[in-house]
N, C-alpha and C. Protein backbone atom coordinates (compact mmCIF):
# COMPACT_ATOMS: atom_id res chain seq x y z
N UNK A 1 111.81 77.84 221.12
CA UNK A 1 112.06 76.35 220.55
C UNK A 1 111.06 75.64 220.88
N UNK A 2 110.78 74.54 220.30
CA UNK A 2 109.91 73.43 220.68
C UNK A 2 110.23 72.39 221.59
N UNK A 3 109.35 72.21 222.72
CA UNK A 3 109.53 71.27 223.68
C UNK A 3 108.84 69.93 223.17
N UNK A 4 109.49 69.02 222.80
CA UNK A 4 108.77 67.77 222.34
C UNK A 4 108.35 66.85 223.39
N UNK A 5 107.10 66.85 223.60
CA UNK A 5 106.48 65.94 224.54
C UNK A 5 105.52 64.67 223.99
N UNK A 6 106.29 63.48 224.14
CA UNK A 6 105.68 62.33 223.68
C UNK A 6 105.27 61.37 224.86
N UNK A 7 103.88 61.31 225.14
CA UNK A 7 103.55 60.58 226.12
C UNK A 7 103.91 58.98 226.00
N UNK A 8 104.45 58.55 227.06
CA UNK A 8 104.86 57.01 227.13
C UNK A 8 104.25 56.33 228.38
N UNK A 9 103.76 55.08 228.17
CA UNK A 9 103.19 54.41 229.17
C UNK A 9 103.66 52.90 229.26
N UNK A 10 104.37 52.68 230.37
CA UNK A 10 105.12 51.42 230.38
C UNK A 10 104.58 50.78 231.62
N UNK A 11 104.30 49.55 231.37
CA UNK A 11 103.77 48.42 232.58
C UNK A 11 105.05 47.72 233.24
N UNK A 12 105.27 47.92 234.55
CA UNK A 12 106.08 47.12 235.33
C UNK A 12 105.39 45.99 236.19
N UNK A 13 105.79 44.83 235.99
CA UNK A 13 105.19 43.67 236.74
C UNK A 13 106.29 43.41 237.78
N UNK A 14 106.19 43.66 238.92
CA UNK A 14 107.00 43.34 240.17
C UNK A 14 106.33 42.41 241.16
N UNK A 15 107.01 41.76 241.96
CA UNK A 15 106.63 40.94 242.74
C UNK A 15 105.38 41.70 243.88
N UNK A 16 104.25 41.34 243.92
CA UNK A 16 103.04 41.98 244.86
C UNK A 16 102.95 43.29 244.34
N UNK A 17 103.34 43.84 243.07
CA UNK A 17 103.04 45.21 242.77
C UNK A 17 102.80 45.14 241.28
N UNK A 18 101.63 45.86 240.80
CA UNK A 18 101.33 45.88 239.37
C UNK A 18 101.72 47.56 239.17
N UNK A 19 102.68 47.93 238.68
CA UNK A 19 103.11 49.53 238.61
C UNK A 19 103.14 49.91 237.17
N UNK A 20 102.72 51.42 237.11
CA UNK A 20 102.69 52.01 235.74
C UNK A 20 103.96 53.09 235.97
N UNK A 21 104.67 53.13 234.77
CA UNK A 21 105.48 54.21 234.72
C UNK A 21 105.16 54.97 233.46
N UNK A 22 104.79 56.29 233.58
CA UNK A 22 104.34 56.99 232.30
C UNK A 22 104.70 58.52 232.67
N UNK A 23 104.50 59.24 231.32
CA UNK A 23 104.61 60.70 231.33
C UNK A 23 105.07 61.04 229.98
N UNK A 24 105.30 62.36 229.72
CA UNK A 24 104.94 63.29 230.69
C UNK A 24 103.52 63.44 230.84
N UNK A 25 103.09 63.62 232.06
CA UNK A 25 101.78 63.57 232.56
C UNK A 25 101.06 64.95 232.56
N UNK A 26 99.95 65.06 232.19
CA UNK A 26 99.31 66.25 232.29
C UNK A 26 98.88 66.68 233.79
N UNK A 27 98.94 68.23 233.81
CA UNK A 27 98.44 68.55 235.19
C UNK A 27 97.08 68.21 235.64
N UNK A 28 96.08 67.90 234.62
CA UNK A 28 94.69 67.67 234.83
C UNK A 28 94.81 66.23 235.50
N UNK A 29 95.59 65.34 234.96
CA UNK A 29 95.62 64.02 235.42
C UNK A 29 96.31 63.89 236.93
N UNK A 30 97.51 64.53 236.77
CA UNK A 30 98.07 64.73 238.12
C UNK A 30 97.32 65.02 239.46
N UNK A 31 96.12 65.91 239.09
CA UNK A 31 95.38 66.40 240.09
C UNK A 31 94.37 65.22 240.68
N UNK A 32 94.07 64.29 239.82
CA UNK A 32 93.30 63.05 240.21
C UNK A 32 93.96 62.27 241.11
N UNK A 33 95.38 62.26 241.01
CA UNK A 33 96.03 61.09 241.84
C UNK A 33 96.50 61.64 243.07
N UNK A 34 97.07 60.89 243.93
CA UNK A 34 97.56 61.35 245.19
C UNK A 34 99.07 60.79 245.42
N UNK A 35 99.81 61.71 246.43
CA UNK A 35 101.24 61.36 246.41
C UNK A 35 101.26 60.24 247.56
N UNK A 36 102.15 59.18 247.47
CA UNK A 36 102.42 58.44 248.66
C UNK A 36 103.03 59.28 249.70
N UNK A 37 102.43 59.04 251.20
CA UNK A 37 102.92 60.02 252.08
C UNK A 37 104.28 59.75 252.55
N UNK A 38 105.27 59.07 252.09
CA UNK A 38 106.72 58.77 252.16
C UNK A 38 107.33 59.68 251.25
N UNK A 39 106.80 60.36 250.22
CA UNK A 39 107.39 61.16 249.27
C UNK A 39 107.60 62.59 249.98
N UNK A 40 108.18 62.76 250.81
CA UNK A 40 108.38 64.11 251.58
C UNK A 40 109.96 64.49 251.62
N UNK A 41 110.74 64.15 250.61
CA UNK A 41 112.02 64.72 250.77
C UNK A 41 112.32 66.05 250.72
N UNK A 42 111.59 66.56 249.73
CA UNK A 42 111.70 68.04 249.42
C UNK A 42 110.64 68.94 250.04
N UNK A 43 109.38 68.35 250.37
CA UNK A 43 108.34 69.14 250.82
C UNK A 43 107.27 68.17 251.44
N UNK A 44 106.30 68.65 252.36
CA UNK A 44 105.35 67.72 252.54
C UNK A 44 104.55 67.22 251.46
N UNK A 45 104.01 66.12 251.43
CA UNK A 45 103.43 65.35 250.27
C UNK A 45 102.60 66.36 249.57
N UNK A 46 101.48 66.96 250.31
CA UNK A 46 100.44 67.76 249.69
C UNK A 46 101.05 68.98 248.98
N UNK A 47 102.11 69.57 249.53
CA UNK A 47 102.90 70.64 248.97
C UNK A 47 103.64 70.11 247.63
N UNK A 48 104.18 69.12 247.71
CA UNK A 48 104.91 68.52 246.38
C UNK A 48 104.01 68.14 245.54
N UNK A 49 102.83 67.64 246.04
CA UNK A 49 101.72 67.33 244.74
C UNK A 49 101.59 68.70 243.96
N UNK A 50 101.21 69.62 244.74
CA UNK A 50 100.98 70.96 244.08
C UNK A 50 102.08 71.31 243.21
N UNK A 51 103.28 71.24 243.67
CA UNK A 51 104.68 71.53 242.86
C UNK A 51 104.56 70.84 241.57
N UNK A 52 104.26 69.54 241.64
CA UNK A 52 104.45 68.58 240.53
C UNK A 52 103.21 69.20 239.37
N UNK A 53 102.18 69.43 239.86
CA UNK A 53 101.09 70.13 238.95
C UNK A 53 101.72 71.28 238.29
N UNK A 54 102.27 72.20 239.21
CA UNK A 54 102.80 73.52 238.69
C UNK A 54 103.85 73.31 237.45
N UNK A 55 104.81 72.37 237.90
CA UNK A 55 105.80 71.98 236.81
C UNK A 55 105.14 71.50 235.58
N UNK A 56 104.09 70.75 235.67
CA UNK A 56 103.63 70.11 234.47
C UNK A 56 102.85 71.06 233.72
N UNK A 57 102.35 72.20 234.34
CA UNK A 57 101.73 73.20 233.59
C UNK A 57 103.05 74.08 232.69
N UNK A 58 104.10 73.95 232.94
CA UNK A 58 105.19 74.75 232.34
C UNK A 58 105.25 74.19 230.85
N UNK A 59 105.72 75.11 229.84
CA UNK A 59 105.90 74.92 228.68
C UNK A 59 106.97 73.56 228.39
N UNK A 60 108.04 73.98 229.25
CA UNK A 60 109.22 72.92 229.25
C UNK A 60 109.06 72.00 230.25
N UNK A 61 108.15 72.02 231.38
CA UNK A 61 108.08 71.28 232.35
C UNK A 61 107.49 69.74 231.86
N UNK A 62 108.04 68.82 232.52
CA UNK A 62 107.55 67.43 232.30
C UNK A 62 107.83 66.54 233.59
N UNK A 63 106.72 65.91 233.80
CA UNK A 63 106.60 65.07 235.09
C UNK A 63 106.37 63.45 234.75
N UNK A 64 107.38 62.74 235.05
CA UNK A 64 107.29 61.44 234.87
C UNK A 64 106.90 60.54 236.34
N UNK A 65 106.07 59.80 236.23
CA UNK A 65 105.54 59.15 237.57
C UNK A 65 105.64 57.68 237.52
N UNK A 66 105.88 57.08 238.72
CA UNK A 66 105.62 55.73 238.90
C UNK A 66 104.41 55.60 239.88
N UNK A 67 103.38 54.78 239.44
CA UNK A 67 102.14 54.54 240.31
C UNK A 67 101.58 53.27 240.42
N UNK A 68 100.93 53.11 241.40
CA UNK A 68 100.25 51.89 241.60
C UNK A 68 98.77 52.26 241.88
N UNK A 69 98.11 51.97 240.68
CA UNK A 69 96.52 52.68 240.81
C UNK A 69 96.47 54.08 240.55
N UNK A 70 95.90 54.91 241.69
CA UNK A 70 95.89 56.27 241.47
C UNK A 70 96.93 56.80 242.53
N UNK A 71 97.95 55.97 243.01
CA UNK A 71 98.81 56.37 244.02
C UNK A 71 100.19 56.56 243.51
N UNK A 72 100.78 57.87 243.35
CA UNK A 72 101.98 58.09 242.77
C UNK A 72 103.04 57.49 243.99
N UNK A 73 103.93 56.90 243.52
CA UNK A 73 104.92 56.28 244.41
C UNK A 73 106.31 56.78 244.13
N UNK A 74 106.50 57.42 242.93
CA UNK A 74 107.68 57.85 242.43
C UNK A 74 107.53 59.01 241.32
N UNK A 75 108.52 59.85 241.28
CA UNK A 75 108.55 60.78 240.40
C UNK A 75 109.77 61.27 240.00
N UNK A 76 109.92 61.89 238.68
CA UNK A 76 110.90 62.57 238.15
C UNK A 76 110.45 63.88 237.35
N UNK A 77 111.26 65.19 237.90
CA UNK A 77 110.68 66.61 237.40
C UNK A 77 111.78 66.82 236.36
N UNK A 78 111.40 67.56 235.32
CA UNK A 78 112.17 68.47 234.33
C UNK A 78 111.64 69.67 234.33
N UNK A 79 112.64 70.85 234.19
CA UNK A 79 111.99 72.22 234.16
C UNK A 79 113.37 73.09 234.00
N UNK A 80 113.08 74.34 233.64
CA UNK A 80 114.21 75.08 233.48
C UNK A 80 114.88 75.31 234.73
N UNK A 81 116.06 75.98 234.71
CA UNK A 81 116.94 76.09 235.93
C UNK A 81 116.30 77.49 236.65
N UNK A 82 116.28 77.31 238.06
CA UNK A 82 115.84 78.37 238.97
C UNK A 82 116.53 79.52 238.27
N UNK A 83 115.87 80.83 238.33
CA UNK A 83 116.37 81.90 238.03
C UNK A 83 117.61 82.55 239.03
N UNK A 84 117.58 81.92 240.18
CA UNK A 84 118.50 82.55 241.10
C UNK A 84 119.69 81.62 241.12
N UNK A 85 119.74 80.39 240.36
CA UNK A 85 120.93 79.68 240.20
C UNK A 85 121.69 80.10 238.93
N UNK A 86 123.11 79.83 239.08
CA UNK A 86 123.91 79.95 238.05
C UNK A 86 123.50 79.36 236.52
N UNK A 87 122.81 78.42 236.77
CA UNK A 87 122.51 77.74 235.29
C UNK A 87 121.60 78.42 234.42
N UNK A 88 120.89 79.45 235.00
CA UNK A 88 120.08 80.32 234.36
C UNK A 88 120.76 81.39 233.56
N UNK A 89 122.02 81.69 234.06
CA UNK A 89 122.74 82.97 233.76
C UNK A 89 122.81 82.86 232.05
N UNK A 90 122.93 81.84 231.42
CA UNK A 90 123.13 81.86 229.94
C UNK A 90 121.64 81.99 229.03
N UNK A 91 120.74 82.22 229.87
CA UNK A 91 119.58 82.56 229.21
C UNK A 91 119.11 81.60 228.03
N UNK A 92 119.54 80.35 228.49
CA UNK A 92 119.34 79.08 227.39
C UNK A 92 117.99 78.52 227.34
N UNK A 93 117.24 78.62 226.23
CA UNK A 93 115.87 77.78 226.25
C UNK A 93 116.07 76.49 225.80
N UNK A 94 117.34 76.00 225.76
CA UNK A 94 117.52 74.44 225.36
C UNK A 94 118.22 73.87 226.54
N UNK A 95 118.29 74.55 227.59
CA UNK A 95 119.02 73.89 228.94
C UNK A 95 117.89 73.58 229.80
N UNK A 96 117.68 72.46 230.18
CA UNK A 96 116.63 71.85 231.07
C UNK A 96 117.34 71.09 232.20
N UNK A 97 116.86 71.24 233.34
CA UNK A 97 117.26 70.52 234.53
C UNK A 97 116.32 69.49 234.96
N UNK A 98 117.02 68.42 235.18
CA UNK A 98 116.42 67.27 235.89
C UNK A 98 116.65 67.57 237.29
N UNK A 99 115.38 67.99 237.77
CA UNK A 99 115.35 68.61 239.22
C UNK A 99 115.43 67.71 240.28
N UNK A 100 114.37 66.74 240.10
CA UNK A 100 114.15 65.91 241.48
C UNK A 100 113.96 64.47 240.97
N UNK A 101 114.34 63.62 241.64
CA UNK A 101 114.00 62.08 241.57
C UNK A 101 113.63 61.46 242.76
N UNK A 102 112.48 61.02 243.06
CA UNK A 102 112.19 60.57 244.54
C UNK A 102 111.20 59.22 244.44
N UNK A 103 111.57 58.33 245.09
CA UNK A 103 110.86 56.91 245.15
C UNK A 103 110.48 56.82 246.69
N UNK A 104 109.21 56.26 246.82
CA UNK A 104 108.88 56.08 248.24
C UNK A 104 109.72 54.83 248.71
N UNK A 105 110.00 54.99 250.12
CA UNK A 105 110.74 53.80 250.71
C UNK A 105 110.06 52.54 250.36
N UNK A 106 109.00 52.34 250.54
CA UNK A 106 108.17 51.16 250.39
C UNK A 106 108.39 50.38 249.01
N UNK A 107 108.80 51.45 248.01
CA UNK A 107 109.03 50.95 246.49
C UNK A 107 110.26 51.03 245.94
N UNK A 108 111.24 51.08 246.97
CA UNK A 108 112.58 51.24 246.54
C UNK A 108 113.11 49.58 246.05
N UNK A 109 114.36 49.72 245.30
CA UNK A 109 114.89 48.35 245.02
C UNK A 109 113.92 47.56 243.96
N UNK A 110 113.20 48.35 243.27
CA UNK A 110 112.11 47.76 242.29
C UNK A 110 112.56 48.28 240.91
N UNK A 111 113.77 49.08 240.85
CA UNK A 111 113.97 49.64 239.46
C UNK A 111 113.44 50.80 239.07
N UNK A 112 112.51 51.55 239.95
CA UNK A 112 111.54 52.64 239.37
C UNK A 112 112.42 53.88 239.01
N UNK A 113 113.35 54.19 239.76
CA UNK A 113 114.12 55.33 239.40
C UNK A 113 114.77 55.21 237.92
N UNK A 114 115.32 54.08 237.59
CA UNK A 114 115.91 53.98 236.27
C UNK A 114 114.74 53.69 235.29
N UNK A 115 113.62 53.20 235.46
CA UNK A 115 112.62 53.12 234.46
C UNK A 115 112.03 54.49 234.33
N UNK A 116 111.60 55.32 235.34
CA UNK A 116 111.17 56.61 235.17
C UNK A 116 112.15 57.55 234.33
N UNK A 117 113.60 57.57 234.57
CA UNK A 117 114.25 58.30 233.70
C UNK A 117 114.31 57.75 232.22
N UNK A 118 114.52 56.46 232.12
CA UNK A 118 114.49 56.05 230.76
C UNK A 118 113.20 56.31 229.96
N UNK A 119 111.92 56.33 230.75
CA UNK A 119 110.65 56.70 229.90
C UNK A 119 110.80 58.07 229.56
N UNK A 120 111.39 59.12 230.23
CA UNK A 120 111.42 60.39 230.04
C UNK A 120 112.41 60.61 228.77
N UNK A 121 113.28 59.87 228.29
CA UNK A 121 114.24 60.02 227.06
C UNK A 121 113.65 59.26 225.91
N UNK A 122 112.65 58.34 226.24
CA UNK A 122 112.08 57.58 225.23
C UNK A 122 111.58 58.28 223.83
N UNK A 123 111.87 57.93 222.56
CA UNK A 123 111.40 58.52 221.36
C UNK A 123 112.35 59.69 221.01
N UNK A 124 113.43 59.76 221.69
CA UNK A 124 114.27 60.82 221.23
C UNK A 124 113.71 62.38 221.57
N UNK A 125 112.73 62.16 222.57
CA UNK A 125 112.07 63.60 222.76
C UNK A 125 112.93 64.69 223.66
N UNK A 126 114.20 64.18 224.15
CA UNK A 126 115.00 65.13 224.67
C UNK A 126 116.22 65.46 223.85
N UNK A 127 116.27 64.91 222.95
CA UNK A 127 117.55 65.14 221.86
C UNK A 127 117.79 66.66 221.50
N UNK A 128 116.81 67.53 221.73
CA UNK A 128 117.14 68.79 221.27
C UNK A 128 117.53 69.79 222.41
N UNK A 129 117.55 69.19 223.57
CA UNK A 129 117.98 69.97 224.84
C UNK A 129 119.20 69.44 225.39
N UNK A 130 119.85 70.08 226.26
CA UNK A 130 120.89 69.87 227.19
C UNK A 130 120.25 69.50 228.43
N UNK A 131 120.40 68.32 228.97
CA UNK A 131 119.71 67.93 230.42
C UNK A 131 120.88 67.88 231.15
N UNK A 132 120.81 68.47 232.47
CA UNK A 132 121.68 68.38 233.42
C UNK A 132 121.11 68.01 234.82
N UNK A 133 121.86 67.53 235.77
CA UNK A 133 121.28 67.45 237.19
C UNK A 133 122.52 67.82 238.08
N UNK A 134 122.15 68.36 239.05
CA UNK A 134 123.22 68.77 240.12
C UNK A 134 123.01 67.75 241.39
N UNK A 135 124.02 67.08 241.66
CA UNK A 135 123.88 66.00 242.74
C UNK A 135 124.65 66.48 244.00
N UNK A 136 123.71 66.86 245.08
CA UNK A 136 124.45 67.01 246.21
C UNK A 136 124.44 66.22 247.43
N UNK A 137 125.45 65.77 248.10
CA UNK A 137 125.25 64.77 248.97
C UNK A 137 124.22 65.20 250.14
N UNK A 138 123.99 66.32 250.48
CA UNK A 138 123.09 66.66 251.44
C UNK A 138 121.68 66.47 251.03
N UNK A 139 121.40 66.17 249.89
CA UNK A 139 120.07 65.77 249.54
C UNK A 139 119.72 64.29 249.57
N UNK A 140 120.75 63.46 249.59
CA UNK A 140 120.66 61.98 249.50
C UNK A 140 120.10 61.46 250.84
N UNK A 141 119.31 60.49 250.88
CA UNK A 141 118.62 59.84 251.82
C UNK A 141 119.68 58.55 252.23
N UNK A 142 120.72 58.92 253.04
CA UNK A 142 121.72 58.06 253.30
C UNK A 142 121.01 57.12 254.45
N UNK A 143 120.42 57.52 255.19
CA UNK A 143 119.82 56.74 256.29
C UNK A 143 119.00 55.59 255.93
N UNK A 144 118.04 55.97 255.09
CA UNK A 144 117.15 54.93 254.69
C UNK A 144 117.73 54.10 253.70
N UNK A 145 118.68 54.47 252.85
CA UNK A 145 119.30 53.35 251.90
C UNK A 145 120.45 52.66 252.40
N UNK A 146 120.87 53.16 253.60
CA UNK A 146 121.88 52.36 254.25
C UNK A 146 123.40 52.38 253.42
N UNK A 147 123.37 53.39 252.67
CA UNK A 147 124.78 53.52 251.85
C UNK A 147 125.50 54.72 252.36
N UNK A 148 126.72 54.60 252.32
CA UNK A 148 127.65 55.70 252.71
C UNK A 148 127.45 56.82 251.26
N UNK A 149 128.26 57.94 251.61
CA UNK A 149 128.27 59.03 250.65
C UNK A 149 128.67 58.60 249.29
N UNK A 150 129.76 57.67 249.19
CA UNK A 150 130.37 57.38 248.11
C UNK A 150 129.66 56.21 247.27
N UNK A 151 128.96 55.32 248.30
CA UNK A 151 128.23 54.32 247.68
C UNK A 151 126.92 54.95 246.80
N UNK A 152 126.45 55.98 247.57
CA UNK A 152 125.26 56.84 247.14
C UNK A 152 125.55 57.34 245.77
N UNK A 153 126.86 58.26 245.83
CA UNK A 153 127.13 58.76 244.58
C UNK A 153 127.39 57.87 243.53
N UNK A 154 127.94 56.58 243.64
CA UNK A 154 128.11 55.70 242.61
C UNK A 154 126.83 55.23 242.08
N UNK A 155 125.77 55.03 243.03
CA UNK A 155 124.33 54.67 242.55
C UNK A 155 123.87 55.61 241.71
N UNK A 156 123.92 56.89 242.11
CA UNK A 156 123.25 58.04 241.14
C UNK A 156 124.05 58.01 239.86
N UNK A 157 125.40 58.15 239.87
CA UNK A 157 126.15 58.03 238.53
C UNK A 157 125.71 56.84 237.71
N UNK A 158 125.50 55.72 238.15
CA UNK A 158 124.91 54.56 237.40
C UNK A 158 123.66 54.87 236.82
N UNK A 159 122.76 55.47 237.77
CA UNK A 159 121.48 55.80 237.28
C UNK A 159 121.48 56.75 236.02
N UNK A 160 122.19 57.74 236.38
CA UNK A 160 122.26 58.88 235.09
C UNK A 160 122.85 58.34 233.93
N UNK A 161 123.93 57.51 234.04
CA UNK A 161 124.51 57.05 232.96
C UNK A 161 123.51 56.09 232.15
N UNK A 162 122.52 55.54 232.58
CA UNK A 162 121.82 54.76 231.94
C UNK A 162 120.96 55.39 230.86
N UNK A 163 121.05 56.74 230.90
CA UNK A 163 120.38 57.57 229.67
C UNK A 163 121.40 58.49 229.10
N UNK A 164 122.57 57.92 229.16
CA UNK A 164 123.65 58.83 228.54
C UNK A 164 124.25 59.85 229.20
N UNK A 165 123.85 60.29 230.41
CA UNK A 165 124.39 61.48 231.30
C UNK A 165 125.71 61.09 231.85
N UNK A 166 126.51 62.15 231.70
CA UNK A 166 128.00 61.85 232.20
C UNK A 166 128.61 62.87 233.22
N UNK A 167 129.54 62.55 233.79
CA UNK A 167 130.13 63.74 234.62
C UNK A 167 130.55 64.86 233.86
N UNK A 168 130.38 65.99 234.22
CA UNK A 168 130.94 67.29 233.71
C UNK A 168 131.73 68.03 234.75
N UNK A 169 132.86 68.66 234.39
CA UNK A 169 133.49 69.57 235.55
C UNK A 169 132.82 70.81 235.42
N UNK A 170 132.92 71.48 236.58
CA UNK A 170 132.45 72.90 236.88
C UNK A 170 133.14 73.52 237.99
N UNK A 171 133.12 74.91 238.04
CA UNK A 171 133.57 75.50 239.14
C UNK A 171 132.36 76.12 240.06
N UNK A 172 131.41 75.42 239.92
CA UNK A 172 130.22 76.06 240.68
C UNK A 172 130.70 75.79 242.21
N UNK A 173 130.47 76.70 243.18
CA UNK A 173 130.85 76.63 244.45
C UNK A 173 130.15 75.57 245.43
N UNK A 174 128.80 75.58 245.00
CA UNK A 174 128.04 74.35 245.80
C UNK A 174 128.51 72.93 245.48
N UNK A 175 128.76 72.60 244.15
CA UNK A 175 129.26 71.48 243.56
C UNK A 175 130.61 71.19 244.22
N UNK A 176 131.43 72.29 244.25
CA UNK A 176 132.84 72.10 244.50
C UNK A 176 132.94 72.21 246.31
N UNK A 177 131.93 72.25 246.87
CA UNK A 177 131.82 72.10 248.23
C UNK A 177 132.24 70.83 248.97
N UNK A 178 132.04 69.75 248.21
CA UNK A 178 132.24 68.53 248.80
C UNK A 178 132.69 67.57 247.58
N UNK A 179 133.52 66.73 247.61
CA UNK A 179 133.90 65.83 246.38
C UNK A 179 132.90 64.85 246.16
N UNK A 180 132.14 64.80 246.86
CA UNK A 180 130.93 63.81 246.23
C UNK A 180 129.95 64.38 245.43
N UNK A 181 129.79 65.63 245.56
CA UNK A 181 128.83 66.28 244.83
C UNK A 181 129.41 66.36 243.25
N UNK A 182 128.37 66.45 242.27
CA UNK A 182 128.68 66.40 241.12
C UNK A 182 127.79 66.90 240.03
N UNK A 183 128.27 67.35 238.87
CA UNK A 183 127.35 67.67 237.78
C UNK A 183 127.32 66.57 236.70
N UNK A 184 125.88 66.08 236.41
CA UNK A 184 125.86 65.11 235.24
C UNK A 184 125.13 65.73 234.22
N UNK A 185 125.53 65.57 232.85
CA UNK A 185 124.96 66.19 231.70
C UNK A 185 124.76 65.14 230.71
N UNK A 186 123.72 65.67 229.88
CA UNK A 186 123.41 64.81 228.48
C UNK A 186 123.14 65.82 227.54
N UNK A 187 124.07 65.99 226.49
CA UNK A 187 123.91 67.01 225.48
C UNK A 187 123.21 66.32 224.31
N UNK A 188 121.90 66.61 223.97
CA UNK A 188 121.31 65.76 222.92
C UNK A 188 121.79 65.76 221.70
N UNK A 189 121.63 64.95 220.77
CA UNK A 189 122.22 64.84 219.44
C UNK A 189 121.88 66.08 218.53
N UNK A 190 120.58 66.68 218.66
CA UNK A 190 120.15 67.81 217.88
C UNK A 190 120.63 69.07 218.42
N UNK A 191 121.29 69.04 219.64
CA UNK A 191 121.60 70.52 220.34
C UNK A 191 122.60 70.96 219.43
N UNK A 192 122.70 72.36 218.89
CA UNK A 192 123.57 73.14 218.27
C UNK A 192 124.83 73.43 219.05
N UNK A 193 126.02 73.26 218.27
CA UNK A 193 127.24 73.52 219.00
C UNK A 193 127.41 74.92 219.66
N UNK A 194 126.51 75.88 219.15
CA UNK A 194 126.62 77.29 219.91
C UNK A 194 125.94 77.10 221.47
N UNK A 195 125.04 76.06 221.57
CA UNK A 195 124.52 75.98 222.81
C UNK A 195 125.37 75.10 223.80
N UNK A 196 126.06 74.06 223.15
CA UNK A 196 127.17 73.37 224.18
C UNK A 196 128.05 74.37 224.54
N UNK A 197 128.62 75.43 223.61
CA UNK A 197 129.62 76.34 224.10
C UNK A 197 129.15 77.36 225.06
N UNK A 198 127.86 77.62 224.99
CA UNK A 198 127.36 78.52 225.88
C UNK A 198 127.17 77.86 227.12
N UNK A 199 126.83 76.61 227.22
CA UNK A 199 126.87 75.76 228.51
C UNK A 199 128.07 75.64 229.19
N UNK A 200 129.38 75.63 228.31
CA UNK A 200 130.61 75.61 228.80
C UNK A 200 130.99 76.92 229.39
N UNK A 201 130.44 78.02 229.07
CA UNK A 201 130.72 79.22 229.60
C UNK A 201 129.81 79.43 231.00
N UNK A 202 128.70 78.73 230.96
CA UNK A 202 127.77 78.84 232.23
C UNK A 202 128.60 77.95 233.32
N UNK A 203 129.11 76.84 232.88
CA UNK A 203 129.73 75.81 233.84
C UNK A 203 131.05 76.40 234.44
N UNK A 204 131.75 77.16 233.85
CA UNK A 204 133.00 77.83 234.26
C UNK A 204 133.20 79.47 234.25
N UNK A 205 133.01 79.72 235.34
CA UNK A 205 133.16 81.41 235.51
C UNK A 205 134.70 81.94 235.77
N UNK A 206 135.24 81.14 236.64
CA UNK A 206 136.63 81.81 237.06
C UNK A 206 137.78 81.69 235.92
N UNK A 207 137.55 81.02 235.02
CA UNK A 207 138.56 81.00 233.98
C UNK A 207 138.77 82.08 233.29
N UNK A 208 137.66 82.93 233.23
CA UNK A 208 137.80 84.15 232.50
C UNK A 208 138.34 85.47 233.24
N UNK A 209 138.73 84.86 234.64
CA UNK A 209 139.51 85.99 235.35
C UNK A 209 141.11 85.80 235.37
N UNK A 210 141.57 84.70 234.65
CA UNK A 210 142.85 84.77 234.44
C UNK A 210 143.39 85.06 233.06
């Protein structure tokens, strides 16, 4: 299938900051920039920088960044599900994961998360795919945010709903491991019914045992 990538460039004027939110960014451009040292939620910044470049090189991969000059202060990743996770079981070429969203502590509360996600969906470029994200409370930065689990969950739901992603039920054991965990999904308007039905079969395994 065709993965539509339409470059979007948005300026964000914030107090004391002139920011750019853009993407999908090419791997060559990513190599020229550096990651803020606080972007370490998943890996050390240097390792995460390499991971972003690798994702940008994938046919389906896309990286949206928020930057100040050549310093990346936030990013969102999109890519196929990991082959070891249940979401790859359906072999779907139109199922893409919103894999990570991270903003440096120094640049939080500036609306960058919402701006990056909305940039990713501009011009209908994700209307032919199902986008999903798995939210696990153990990935959330509760200490830095000052929020409790339920407040953070509410914040993430509000963020995802800003681009039309909604809560979907699943019997995935990791998501079911804690009531704050959740699966958020957006089925693009150009996704065929057959893909939506296949995704339903991936979401639920146990029902076929009864």
